[in-house]
Amino acid sequence: MKKLLPVFIALLLCASCDKETVTTDCLEQALTDFNMVSYTGQELGCNFFVHQYTFRNRQYYMLGNHCVDMTVSPVDCDGNELCDGNNQQACNRFFRRATNHGIVGIRL
């Protein structure tokens, strides 16, 4: 159960994103929905934060938290989880080749 919570949160993070919306708009909407703010260098502490990645010309987001042992999977703006167990090769390629744009949001 403890391992499923971060995946559930990640899916909820992009659940409100419209497929036609630009990625930045999706991120802004997700930050608003989950009471997150744009990351501008704040102390992370034990707060949840979101990394943004680019992989195969698509944006992906992945939750992080330095104080919680969690299993995470990259999620696109449509709510599709890349590492869902059905596509391990794509998941492995993501972790080898995705461009990490850094932390873009934090929950205070």
N, C-alpha and C. Protein backbone atom coordinates (compact mmCIF):
# COMPACT_ATOMS: atom_id res chain seq x y z
N MET A 1 0.83 -1.19 0.00
CA MET A 1 0.00 0.00 0.00
C MET A 1 0.87 1.26 0.00
N LYS A 2 1.94 1.23 0.80
CA LYS A 2 2.84 2.37 0.91
C LYS A 2 3.47 2.71 -0.44
N LYS A 3 3.75 1.67 -1.25
CA LYS A 3 4.37 1.89 -2.55
C LYS A 3 3.37 2.39 -3.59
N LEU A 4 2.09 2.12 -3.40
CA LEU A 4 1.09 2.54 -4.36
C LEU A 4 0.70 4.00 -4.20
N LEU A 5 0.86 4.57 -3.02
CA LEU A 5 0.47 5.95 -2.77
C LEU A 5 1.17 6.93 -3.70
N PRO A 6 2.49 6.87 -3.88
CA PRO A 6 3.14 7.82 -4.80
C PRO A 6 2.67 7.66 -6.24
N VAL A 7 2.41 6.44 -6.67
CA VAL A 7 1.92 6.23 -8.03
C VAL A 7 0.54 6.86 -8.17
N PHE A 8 -0.31 6.67 -7.17
CA PHE A 8 -1.65 7.27 -7.17
C PHE A 8 -1.54 8.78 -7.22
N ILE A 9 -0.65 9.35 -6.43
CA ILE A 9 -0.46 10.80 -6.41
C ILE A 9 0.02 11.27 -7.77
N ALA A 10 0.95 10.52 -8.37
CA ALA A 10 1.46 10.90 -9.69
C ALA A 10 0.36 10.88 -10.74
N LEU A 11 -0.51 9.89 -10.68
CA LEU A 11 -1.62 9.83 -11.63
C LEU A 11 -2.58 10.98 -11.42
N LEU A 12 -2.85 11.31 -10.17
CA LEU A 12 -3.72 12.44 -9.88
C LEU A 12 -3.11 13.75 -10.33
N LEU A 13 -1.80 13.83 -10.25
CA LEU A 13 -1.09 15.05 -10.62
C LEU A 13 -1.43 15.48 -12.03
N CYS A 14 -1.53 14.53 -12.94
CA CYS A 14 -1.81 14.89 -14.33
C CYS A 14 -3.22 14.54 -14.76
N ALA A 15 -4.06 14.09 -13.85
CA ALA A 15 -5.43 13.71 -14.21
C ALA A 15 -6.23 14.89 -14.73
N SER A 16 -5.94 16.08 -14.24
CA SER A 16 -6.72 17.25 -14.66
C SER A 16 -6.17 17.89 -15.92
N CYS A 17 -5.11 17.35 -16.48
CA CYS A 17 -4.49 17.96 -17.65
C CYS A 17 -5.29 17.62 -18.90
N ASP A 18 -5.58 18.61 -19.69
CA ASP A 18 -6.30 18.43 -20.94
C ASP A 18 -5.30 18.03 -22.02
N LYS A 19 -5.66 17.07 -22.86
CA LYS A 19 -4.75 16.58 -23.89
C LYS A 19 -4.33 17.68 -24.86
N GLU A 20 -5.16 18.67 -25.06
CA GLU A 20 -4.86 19.74 -25.99
C GLU A 20 -4.03 20.85 -25.36
N THR A 21 -3.81 20.80 -24.07
CA THR A 21 -3.13 21.88 -23.37
C THR A 21 -1.62 21.76 -23.54
N VAL A 22 -0.96 22.87 -23.62
CA VAL A 22 0.49 22.88 -23.67
C VAL A 22 1.02 22.35 -22.34
N THR A 23 2.16 21.69 -22.38
CA THR A 23 2.73 21.06 -21.20
C THR A 23 2.85 22.02 -20.03
N THR A 24 3.29 23.23 -20.29
CA THR A 24 3.44 24.20 -19.20
C THR A 24 2.10 24.47 -18.54
N ASP A 25 1.04 24.58 -19.35
CA ASP A 25 -0.29 24.78 -18.80
C ASP A 25 -0.70 23.60 -17.93
N CYS A 26 -0.37 22.40 -18.36
CA CYS A 26 -0.69 21.21 -17.58
C CYS A 26 0.04 21.26 -16.24
N LEU A 27 1.29 21.62 -16.26
CA LEU A 27 2.05 21.71 -15.02
C LEU A 27 1.45 22.76 -14.11
N GLU A 28 1.14 23.91 -14.65
CA GLU A 28 0.55 24.97 -13.83
C GLU A 28 -0.76 24.53 -13.20
N GLN A 29 -1.59 23.83 -13.97
CA GLN A 29 -2.86 23.34 -13.44
C GLN A 29 -2.62 22.31 -12.34
N ALA A 30 -1.67 21.42 -12.54
CA ALA A 30 -1.35 20.40 -11.53
C ALA A 30 -0.82 21.06 -10.26
N LEU A 31 0.03 22.06 -10.41
CA LEU A 31 0.56 22.76 -9.24
C LEU A 31 -0.57 23.40 -8.45
N THR A 32 -1.53 23.97 -9.14
CA THR A 32 -2.68 24.59 -8.47
C THR A 32 -3.54 23.53 -7.78
N ASP A 33 -3.85 22.46 -8.49
CA ASP A 33 -4.71 21.41 -7.94
C ASP A 33 -4.15 20.78 -6.68
N PHE A 34 -2.84 20.65 -6.62
CA PHE A 34 -2.22 19.96 -5.48
C PHE A 34 -1.51 20.91 -4.52
N ASN A 35 -1.88 22.18 -4.59
CA ASN A 35 -1.34 23.17 -3.67
C ASN A 35 0.18 23.21 -3.74
N MET A 36 0.71 23.13 -4.95
CA MET A 36 2.15 23.24 -5.17
C MET A 36 2.44 24.61 -5.77
N VAL A 37 3.66 25.01 -5.63
CA VAL A 37 4.11 26.26 -6.23
C VAL A 37 5.32 25.95 -7.12
N SER A 38 5.61 26.85 -8.01
CA SER A 38 6.80 26.69 -8.85
C SER A 38 8.03 26.65 -7.96
N TYR A 39 8.95 25.79 -8.30
CA TYR A 39 10.18 25.66 -7.52
C TYR A 39 11.16 26.74 -7.94
N THR A 40 11.59 27.51 -6.96
CA THR A 40 12.55 28.58 -7.22
C THR A 40 13.74 28.51 -6.27
N GLY A 41 14.04 27.29 -5.82
CA GLY A 41 15.19 27.12 -4.94
C GLY A 41 14.83 26.99 -3.47
N GLN A 42 13.55 26.83 -3.16
CA GLN A 42 13.14 26.67 -1.77
C GLN A 42 13.79 25.43 -1.14
N GLU A 43 13.90 25.46 0.18
CA GLU A 43 14.39 24.29 0.93
C GLU A 43 13.41 23.14 0.70
N LEU A 44 13.92 22.00 0.25
CA LEU A 44 13.05 20.87 -0.03
C LEU A 44 12.57 20.18 1.24
N GLY A 45 13.46 19.99 2.20
CA GLY A 45 13.07 19.30 3.43
C GLY A 45 12.38 18.00 3.11
N CYS A 46 11.21 17.79 3.71
CA CYS A 46 10.42 16.58 3.47
C CYS A 46 9.21 16.85 2.59
N ASN A 47 9.22 17.94 1.87
CA ASN A 47 8.11 18.28 0.98
C ASN A 47 8.18 17.46 -0.30
N PHE A 48 7.00 17.17 -0.88
CA PHE A 48 6.96 16.54 -2.19
C PHE A 48 7.37 17.57 -3.24
N PHE A 49 8.05 17.11 -4.26
CA PHE A 49 8.46 17.97 -5.36
C PHE A 49 8.29 17.21 -6.66
N VAL A 50 8.32 17.92 -7.78
CA VAL A 50 8.09 17.32 -9.09
C VAL A 50 9.27 17.66 -10.00
N HIS A 51 9.83 16.62 -10.62
CA HIS A 51 10.86 16.78 -11.65
C HIS A 51 10.16 16.76 -13.00
N GLN A 52 10.69 17.54 -13.95
CA GLN A 52 10.18 17.51 -15.32
C GLN A 52 11.26 16.90 -16.21
N TYR A 53 10.85 16.02 -17.10
CA TYR A 53 11.76 15.34 -18.03
C TYR A 53 11.23 15.48 -19.45
N THR A 54 12.12 15.35 -20.42
CA THR A 54 11.74 15.21 -21.82
C THR A 54 12.28 13.87 -22.29
N PHE A 55 11.41 13.11 -22.94
CA PHE A 55 11.78 11.80 -23.48
C PHE A 55 10.96 11.58 -24.74
N ARG A 56 11.63 11.35 -25.85
CA ARG A 56 10.97 11.13 -27.13
C ARG A 56 10.00 12.27 -27.47
N ASN A 57 10.46 13.48 -27.27
CA ASN A 57 9.71 14.71 -27.58
C ASN A 57 8.42 14.85 -26.79
N ARG A 58 8.33 14.21 -25.64
CA ARG A 58 7.18 14.35 -24.74
C ARG A 58 7.67 14.75 -23.37
N GLN A 59 6.82 15.46 -22.66
CA GLN A 59 7.15 15.86 -21.29
C GLN A 59 6.64 14.81 -20.31
N TYR A 60 7.44 14.53 -19.31
CA TYR A 60 7.06 13.61 -18.23
C TYR A 60 7.36 14.27 -16.90
N TYR A 61 6.60 13.88 -15.90
CA TYR A 61 6.77 14.41 -14.55
C TYR A 61 6.91 13.25 -13.59
N MET A 62 7.78 13.45 -12.59
CA MET A 62 8.00 12.39 -11.61
C MET A 62 8.11 13.02 -10.23
N LEU A 63 7.32 12.47 -9.31
CA LEU A 63 7.33 12.96 -7.94
C LEU A 63 8.59 12.54 -7.22
N GLY A 64 8.96 13.33 -6.23
CA GLY A 64 10.10 13.00 -5.39
C GLY A 64 9.85 13.49 -3.98
N ASN A 65 10.56 12.90 -3.05
CA ASN A 65 10.51 13.31 -1.65
C ASN A 65 11.71 12.66 -0.97
N HIS A 66 12.53 13.46 -0.33
CA HIS A 66 13.74 12.93 0.30
C HIS A 66 13.46 12.16 1.58
N CYS A 67 12.26 12.26 2.11
CA CYS A 67 11.95 11.64 3.41
C CYS A 67 11.04 10.44 3.30
N VAL A 68 10.60 10.10 2.09
CA VAL A 68 9.65 9.01 1.90
C VAL A 68 10.27 7.98 0.96
N ASP A 69 10.21 6.72 1.38
CA ASP A 69 10.66 5.63 0.52
C ASP A 69 9.52 5.33 -0.44
N MET A 70 9.72 5.67 -1.71
CA MET A 70 8.63 5.52 -2.65
C MET A 70 9.13 5.02 -3.99
N THR A 71 8.26 4.29 -4.67
CA THR A 71 8.52 3.85 -6.02
C THR A 71 7.77 4.79 -6.94
N VAL A 72 8.48 5.37 -7.89
CA VAL A 72 7.85 6.35 -8.77
C VAL A 72 7.99 5.92 -10.22
N SER A 73 7.11 6.44 -11.03
CA SER A 73 7.14 6.18 -12.46
C SER A 73 6.87 7.48 -13.18
N PRO A 74 7.57 7.73 -14.27
CA PRO A 74 7.30 8.94 -15.04
C PRO A 74 5.87 8.91 -15.58
N VAL A 75 5.20 10.06 -15.49
CA VAL A 75 3.82 10.18 -15.95
C VAL A 75 3.77 11.35 -16.93
N ASP A 76 3.10 11.14 -18.07
CA ASP A 76 2.97 12.24 -19.01
C ASP A 76 1.74 13.08 -18.67
N CYS A 77 1.51 14.12 -19.42
CA CYS A 77 0.41 15.04 -19.12
C CYS A 77 -0.97 14.42 -19.35
N ASP A 78 -1.01 13.32 -20.07
CA ASP A 78 -2.28 12.63 -20.28
C ASP A 78 -2.56 11.63 -19.16
N GLY A 79 -1.64 11.53 -18.19
CA GLY A 79 -1.81 10.60 -17.08
C GLY A 79 -1.31 9.20 -17.38
N ASN A 80 -0.62 9.03 -18.50
CA ASN A 80 -0.08 7.72 -18.86
C ASN A 80 1.21 7.46 -18.10
N GLU A 81 1.25 6.35 -17.41
CA GLU A 81 2.42 5.96 -16.63
C GLU A 81 3.35 5.16 -17.54
N LEU A 82 4.59 5.60 -17.68
CA LEU A 82 5.53 4.95 -18.59
C LEU A 82 5.97 3.58 -18.07
N CYS A 83 6.22 3.45 -16.80
CA CYS A 83 6.72 2.21 -16.22
C CYS A 83 5.59 1.44 -15.54
N ASP A 84 4.62 1.01 -16.34
CA ASP A 84 3.45 0.34 -15.78
C ASP A 84 3.60 -1.17 -15.74
N GLY A 85 4.77 -1.68 -16.07
CA GLY A 85 5.00 -3.12 -16.05
C GLY A 85 4.80 -3.76 -17.41
N ASN A 86 4.12 -3.09 -18.32
CA ASN A 86 3.88 -3.64 -19.65
C ASN A 86 4.95 -3.25 -20.66
N ASN A 87 5.74 -2.26 -20.34
CA ASN A 87 6.71 -1.75 -21.30
C ASN A 87 8.04 -1.47 -20.60
N GLN A 88 8.66 -2.51 -20.10
CA GLN A 88 9.89 -2.36 -19.34
C GLN A 88 11.03 -1.77 -20.17
N GLN A 89 11.06 -2.08 -21.47
CA GLN A 89 12.12 -1.54 -22.32
C GLN A 89 12.03 -0.02 -22.42
N ALA A 90 10.83 0.50 -22.61
CA ALA A 90 10.65 1.96 -22.68
C ALA A 90 11.02 2.59 -21.34
N CYS A 91 10.67 1.93 -20.27
CA CYS A 91 11.00 2.43 -18.93
C CYS A 91 12.52 2.50 -18.76
N ASN A 92 13.21 1.44 -19.13
CA ASN A 92 14.67 1.43 -19.03
C ASN A 92 15.30 2.50 -19.90
N ARG A 93 14.79 2.67 -21.13
CA ARG A 93 15.31 3.71 -22.02
C ARG A 93 15.09 5.10 -21.43
N PHE A 94 13.93 5.29 -20.80
CA PHE A 94 13.65 6.58 -20.17
C PHE A 94 14.73 6.91 -19.16
N PHE A 95 15.03 5.99 -18.26
CA PHE A 95 16.00 6.28 -17.21
C PHE A 95 17.42 6.42 -17.73
N ARG A 96 17.70 5.90 -18.92
CA ARG A 96 19.01 6.08 -19.52
C ARG A 96 19.11 7.35 -20.36
N ARG A 97 18.02 7.74 -21.02
CA ARG A 97 18.12 8.78 -22.04
C ARG A 97 17.30 10.05 -21.81
N ALA A 98 16.39 10.04 -20.88
CA ALA A 98 15.54 11.22 -20.69
C ALA A 98 16.37 12.40 -20.22
N THR A 99 15.96 13.57 -20.65
CA THR A 99 16.60 14.81 -20.21
C THR A 99 15.87 15.32 -18.99
N ASN A 100 16.59 15.46 -17.89
CA ASN A 100 16.01 15.96 -16.64
C ASN A 100 16.13 17.48 -16.65
N HIS A 101 14.99 18.15 -16.59
CA HIS A 101 14.97 19.61 -16.55
C HIS A 101 14.98 20.14 -15.12
N GLY A 102 15.04 19.22 -14.18
CA GLY A 102 15.13 19.62 -12.78
C GLY A 102 13.77 19.70 -12.09
N ILE A 103 13.82 20.18 -10.88
CA ILE A 103 12.61 20.32 -10.08
C ILE A 103 11.85 21.54 -10.56
N VAL A 104 10.56 21.34 -10.86
CA VAL A 104 9.74 22.44 -11.36
C VAL A 104 8.61 22.83 -10.42
N GLY A 105 8.36 22.02 -9.40
CA GLY A 105 7.29 22.34 -8.45
C GLY A 105 7.57 21.75 -7.10
N ILE A 106 7.00 22.37 -6.06
CA ILE A 106 7.17 21.89 -4.69
C ILE A 106 5.87 22.10 -3.92
N ARG A 107 5.57 21.14 -3.07
CA ARG A 107 4.39 21.27 -2.21
C ARG A 107 4.87 21.75 -0.85
N LEU A 108 4.39 22.91 -0.45
CA LEU A 108 4.80 23.50 0.82
C LEU A 108 3.86 23.13 1.94
